[in-house]
């Protein structure tokens, strides 16, 4: 049996694990994050969910437009921070 060619060996064994993709096709960037960043992402995600629920309730009542605007601004700021932490364009990209 012949030994594998150098090109195949390089493809199989010389990869940097940080450059490979996980099983969902995403980079391992989130996997390699520190605990503080992961925790902050989880907190932001839960805040975002809560704010969206509040906005939905306010929109159904249609009596306080200022509160709806305030909630939209808060949602935008949380999404921006989440985007900066994950490096993703979509804030739901790293949803569990």
C-alpha atoms as a PDB file:
ATOM      1  CA  UNK A   1       0.000   0.000   0.000  1.00  0.00           C
ATOM      2  CA  UNK A   2       1.298   3.447  -0.932  1.00  0.00           C
ATOM      3  CA  UNK A   3       1.629   6.227   1.624  1.00  0.00           C
ATOM      4  CA  UNK A   4      -0.726   9.170   1.114  1.00  0.00           C
ATOM      5  CA  UNK A   5       0.475  11.990  -1.054  1.00  0.00           C
ATOM      6  CA  UNK A   6       1.794  15.101   0.719  1.00  0.00           C
ATOM      7  CA  UNK A   7      -1.221  17.109  -0.449  1.00  0.00           C
ATOM      8  CA  UNK A   8      -3.686  14.717   1.143  1.00  0.00           C
ATOM      9  CA  UNK A   9      -1.642  14.604   4.333  1.00  0.00           C
ATOM     10  CA  UNK A  10      -1.708  18.393   4.502  1.00  0.00           C
ATOM     11  CA  UNK A  11      -5.463  18.477   3.952  1.00  0.00           C
ATOM     12  CA  UNK A  12      -6.123  15.872   6.615  1.00  0.00           C
ATOM     13  CA  UNK A  13      -3.640  16.591   9.364  1.00  0.00           C
ATOM     14  CA  UNK A  14      -2.226  20.098   9.123  1.00  0.00           C
ATOM     15  CA  UNK A  15      -5.416  22.077   9.613  1.00  0.00           C
ATOM     16  CA  UNK A  16      -5.717  24.626  12.316  1.00  0.00           C
ATOM     17  CA  UNK A  17      -8.754  23.597  14.422  1.00  0.00           C
ATOM     18  CA  UNK A  18      -9.807  27.225  14.776  1.00  0.00           C
ATOM     19  CA  UNK A  19     -10.156  27.499  10.992  1.00  0.00           C
ATOM     20  CA  UNK A  20     -12.361  24.437  10.561  1.00  0.00           C
ATOM     21  CA  UNK A  21     -16.132  24.530  10.578  1.00  0.00           C
ATOM     22  CA  UNK A  22     -18.315  22.870  13.161  1.00  0.00           C
ATOM     23  CA  UNK A  23     -21.178  20.558  12.253  1.00  0.00           C
ATOM     24  CA  UNK A  24     -23.560  23.465  11.539  1.00  0.00           C
ATOM     25  CA  UNK A  25     -21.249  25.084   9.020  1.00  0.00           C
ATOM     26  CA  UNK A  26     -20.273  27.898  11.365  1.00  0.00           C
ATOM     27  CA  UNK A  27     -16.771  28.738  12.400  1.00  0.00           C
ATOM     28  CA  UNK A  28     -15.561  27.623  15.797  1.00  0.00           C
ATOM     29  CA  UNK A  29     -15.295  31.268  16.826  1.00  0.00           C
ATOM     30  CA  UNK A  30     -18.112  31.001  19.352  1.00  0.00           C
ATOM     31  CA  UNK A  31     -16.835  27.684  20.657  1.00  0.00           C
ATOM     32  CA  UNK A  32     -13.490  29.279  21.473  1.00  0.00           C
ATOM     33  CA  UNK A  33     -14.983  32.307  23.259  1.00  0.00           C
ATOM     34  CA  UNK A  34     -14.259  32.863  26.894  1.00  0.00           C
ATOM     35  CA  UNK A  35     -16.917  32.243  29.538  1.00  0.00           C
ATOM     36  CA  UNK A  36     -17.666  35.933  30.080  1.00  0.00           C
ATOM     37  CA  UNK A  37     -18.486  36.464  26.409  1.00  0.00           C
ATOM     38  CA  UNK A  38     -20.700  33.383  26.280  1.00  0.00           C
ATOM     39  CA  UNK A  39     -22.547  34.478  29.413  1.00  0.00           C
ATOM     40  CA  UNK A  40     -22.989  38.004  28.050  1.00  0.00           C
ATOM     41  CA  UNK A  41     -24.400  36.594  24.803  1.00  0.00           C
ATOM     42  CA  UNK A  42     -26.858  34.453  26.763  1.00  0.00           C
ATOM     43  CA  UNK A  43     -27.949  37.452  28.862  1.00  0.00           C
ATOM     44  CA  UNK A  44     -28.359  39.632  25.769  1.00  0.00           C
ATOM     45  CA  UNK A  45     -30.378  36.929  24.043  1.00  0.00           C
ATOM     46  CA  UNK A  46     -32.761  36.637  26.999  1.00  0.00           C
ATOM     47  CA  UNK A  47     -33.061  40.448  27.218  1.00  0.00           C
ATOM     48  CA  UNK A  48     -33.821  40.590  23.508  1.00  0.00           C
ATOM     49  CA  UNK A  49     -36.556  37.995  23.863  1.00  0.00           C
ATOM     50  CA  UNK A  50     -38.097  39.870  26.806  1.00  0.00           C
ATOM     51  CA  UNK A  51     -37.963  43.216  24.984  1.00  0.00           C
ATOM     52  CA  UNK A  52     -39.590  41.731  21.875  1.00  0.00           C
ATOM     53  CA  UNK A  53     -42.401  40.311  23.993  1.00  0.00           C
ATOM     54  CA  UNK A  54     -42.920  43.690  25.647  1.00  0.00           C
ATOM     55  CA  UNK A  55     -42.956  45.414  22.258  1.00  0.00           C
ATOM     56  CA  UNK A  56     -45.538  42.948  21.003  1.00  0.00           C
ATOM     57  CA  UNK A  57     -47.774  43.712  23.979  1.00  0.00           C
ATOM     58  CA  UNK A  58     -47.382  47.468  23.556  1.00  0.00           C
ATOM     59  CA  UNK A  59     -48.204  47.232  19.852  1.00  0.00           C
ATOM     60  CA  UNK A  60     -51.373  45.294  20.610  1.00  0.00           C
ATOM     61  CA  UNK A  61     -52.542  47.952  23.090  1.00  0.00           C
ATOM     62  CA  UNK A  62     -51.742  50.865  20.729  1.00  0.00           C
ATOM     63  CA  UNK A  63     -52.081  53.454  23.488  1.00  0.00           C
ATOM     64  CA  UNK A  64     -48.463  54.425  24.217  1.00  0.00           C
ATOM     65  CA  UNK A  65     -46.377  55.162  21.134  1.00  0.00           C
ATOM     66  CA  UNK A  66     -43.476  56.580  23.165  1.00  0.00           C
ATOM     67  CA  UNK A  67     -43.041  53.283  24.987  1.00  0.00           C
ATOM     68  CA  UNK A  68     -43.005  51.417  21.676  1.00  0.00           C
ATOM     69  CA  UNK A  69     -40.297  53.749  20.351  1.00  0.00           C
ATOM     70  CA  UNK A  70     -38.278  53.313  23.526  1.00  0.00           C
ATOM     71  CA  UNK A  71     -38.516  49.528  23.276  1.00  0.00           C
ATOM     72  CA  UNK A  72     -37.457  49.611  19.617  1.00  0.00           C
ATOM     73  CA  UNK A  73     -34.377  51.670  20.555  1.00  0.00           C
ATOM     74  CA  UNK A  74     -33.514  49.219  23.344  1.00  0.00           C
ATOM     75  CA  UNK A  75     -33.918  46.282  20.963  1.00  0.00           C
ATOM     76  CA  UNK A  76     -31.645  47.960  18.423  1.00  0.00           C
ATOM     77  CA  UNK A  77     -28.950  48.580  21.033  1.00  0.00           C
ATOM     78  CA  UNK A  78     -29.096  44.997  22.328  1.00  0.00           C
ATOM     79  CA  UNK A  79     -28.929  43.651  18.756  1.00  0.00           C
ATOM     80  CA  UNK A  80     -25.928  45.884  18.028  1.00  0.00           C
ATOM     81  CA  UNK A  81     -24.074  44.667  21.113  1.00  0.00           C
ATOM     82  CA  UNK A  82     -24.940  41.069  20.294  1.00  0.00           C
ATOM     83  CA  UNK A  83     -23.697  41.581  16.754  1.00  0.00           C
ATOM     84  CA  UNK A  84     -20.417  43.038  18.006  1.00  0.00           C
ATOM     85  CA  UNK A  85     -19.873  40.065  20.337  1.00  0.00           C
ATOM     86  CA  UNK A  86     -20.736  37.378  17.805  1.00  0.00           C
ATOM     87  CA  UNK A  87     -19.334  39.087  14.729  1.00  0.00           C
ATOM     88  CA  UNK A  88     -22.495  38.131  12.884  1.00  0.00           C
ATOM     89  CA  UNK A  89     -24.895  40.182  10.791  1.00  0.00           C
ATOM     90  CA  UNK A  90     -27.850  38.232  12.146  1.00  0.00           C
ATOM     91  CA  UNK A  91     -28.426  38.445  15.939  1.00  0.00           C
ATOM     92  CA  UNK A  92     -30.134  35.052  15.841  1.00  0.00           C
ATOM     93  CA  UNK A  93     -27.177  33.376  14.177  1.00  0.00           C
ATOM     94  CA  UNK A  94     -25.965  31.862  17.426  1.00  0.00           C
ATOM     95  CA  UNK A  95     -29.324  31.000  18.887  1.00  0.00           C
ATOM     96  CA  UNK A  96     -29.327  27.773  20.871  1.00  0.00           C
END
